[in-house]
Every structure is written in C-alpha cells, then in structure tokens.
Amino acid sequence: MKQTVGRFAPTPSGRMHLGNLFCAELAWLAAKKEGGTMVLRIEDLDPQRSRKEFANIMQQELIWFGLTWEQGGDLGGEHPPYCQSQCGDIYRQALQQLQSKQLVYPCFCSRAELHAANAPHLSDGRYLYAGTCRNLTLQEQQQKAKEKHPAMRVRVPDVEISFCDLLYGQQGENLAQEAGDFLICRADGVFAYQLAVVVDDLRMGVTQVVRGRDLLGSTPRQIWLAQQLGAQQIPTYGHIPLLLDQNGDRLSKRDGALSLDNLRSRYTAEQILGKLAWLAGLIDRPEPASLPELIAEFSWEKLPKQDICIPNGLF
C-alpha cells in the first residue's frame, strides 16, 4: 500500500489566521495518523495578491506549531518547484495535453458579460458558464482575438463524477449541468486554481487532500481533470467544516484578533492546538495538547459536519 502523502497549500496573500491553522492541523494529523508525510506547497498563482514575505512568515509559524513537512517550502524535495509562481512551464504542458484532446477552447467573454442578468446561476448562487464561446468557428476565434486576448476554458462532458469524501461521504456532480465549462487559464495568462492544484497534487505524489468544505464543489471537476491528464491514482479528499467568528462569519486574513501573530503572543502552541482540537471534537476539553497526543485522538468520525462557531472568550 502506498504511503499517505498529505499537503499544506497556503496562499501568501496575508498573515495566516486561525482558520488556516485549523485546516493545517487537521491535514497534518490525518496524514500522520496513517504514518504519512506532508508537502508544503505555496499557492502564489496570482502575482498581484501574493507576497514572498508572507510565504516566509507562514513557514515560520507552521514550524513554531510543530506542523513540519518532509518536502516543499524552503526544504525542497524531489518534485520542485514548490511555489506555483515558478510552475508556468509545467502548467503550459498540461494545457497543451488537454488541447491535444480537443478539450480546450478560447473564451472572449468580458466580466460584465459573464455576470449578465440572463446568465444561468445554480441554486447556491454559483455562476454556470452559458457556453457562449464554446462553438465559435476558427474564423470567429481569429477575428475576436484581434480585439481581445482570450481566457481558456475546458469543454466538460455530460457525465457524473462521484467520489467518497472522508467526512461528508458519497458526493457527486454532473459536470455539464452543475459545473459548466470552467476556466483553466485567465486572459492575462495566469493559470487557474483548478488546473494548477490538480497538476501539482499529481506531480508531488499527494494521496490525501484535506481542505475546507467550501472547496467540496471543486472536487468533481478536479478529479475529471486529473483523469484527462492521465492520473494513475486520484487523491482521497476530506473536506472539513469552516471556523466562524462570534457573528457567524467566515474568518479572514483581515481579522486581526484571530491572526496567528496575535494569538502566539498570548498562548503557547499547545494551548492553541488543544483549543482547536476541542473545536474539532477530537478531545473533551479545550486544554493544552501536544501533536503526538493529538495524532492518537484523530478520527474522521469525531469531526462535526457543520461549520464551527468559535465561542466567545475561547481565544
């Protein structure tokens, strides 16, 4: 049986907050419970949002908590690069592979056109691409390209992609009806998250992806992309509930009170990790706990499926 390889994949657009740490802790525990290793990948795809200094601070903070990794980050490893901003050639090769299967087409739609009032939306408010550019002739594509540089979309089939989530159980999505033709490269040349994350998980040998349940809906299209790119093994996926503040809002990197630099000045690593483990249902009381202790306590059956509101006064 292949060794479990988990991963951290932070975006260095600001300082980490408690929700980021919650995900990192559970991803680490899930991998270590199976005797596995961890990869640290810096998801700095967007040069306008990402900063090297935040990537450096994230590594320092993870180490302070004892959430170490076996490959990636400044440590390096056998599957470089570990920063997505350095992987343009690798993503281009994947794009060419999809193009060779005639799965890619240029999209010239503007942002305003994409969000027009008559555009189809799903019940949860997500946008479903109407296929405006799907069947343009080569001549029409060439004419439009004179006026606007296109984004690139994949042409998804009318198929159901199913998987068993480690927490939420059986999940599925009809790609044509619920995902639509999605972007894999923006008009400015920045590769989309959907493509980059699939390519990187495959080439880094990631076998287990633990991330927030807000990304649950992305998984079927990522599995399909992996299949089109010839994946020999698809990772298992475990989506976890989100941490919410006292108002029931998602945490953000603008929430200074729950930023890690603020919390580290007031608590030890074991105190913070123990409180988070308690919120996750792994231990009975919000008391200090070491990572080795928490490995023994980790179980997917213990995790709640509902998002978790941080009680007032816990931090």
Foldseek 3Di string as FASTA:
>chain_A
DDQAEEEQEEEALFFDFLQSVLQLLQRLLVRVLRPHFYEYAHEDLDVVRHDPVSLVVVQVLCVQLVSDGDAADPRHDDQDDRYLNPCLVVLVVLVVLLVVVVFKDWDLDDPCRQPDPPFDADPVGHGAGPCPRVDDDPVRVVVSCVPAQTFMWTADDQDKFWDQAQQPGIDIDGCCPGPHTDTQAGSVGRGDPLSSVLSVCQSVVHAEYEEACVCVVSPRVSVVSNVSSPRPHDHHYYHAAFEAEQVRHGDDSVPVCRGPVNVVVPDRSQLSSQQSCVQQQQDVDSGGDRSVVSSVSDDSVRGDRYHTYRDPPSD
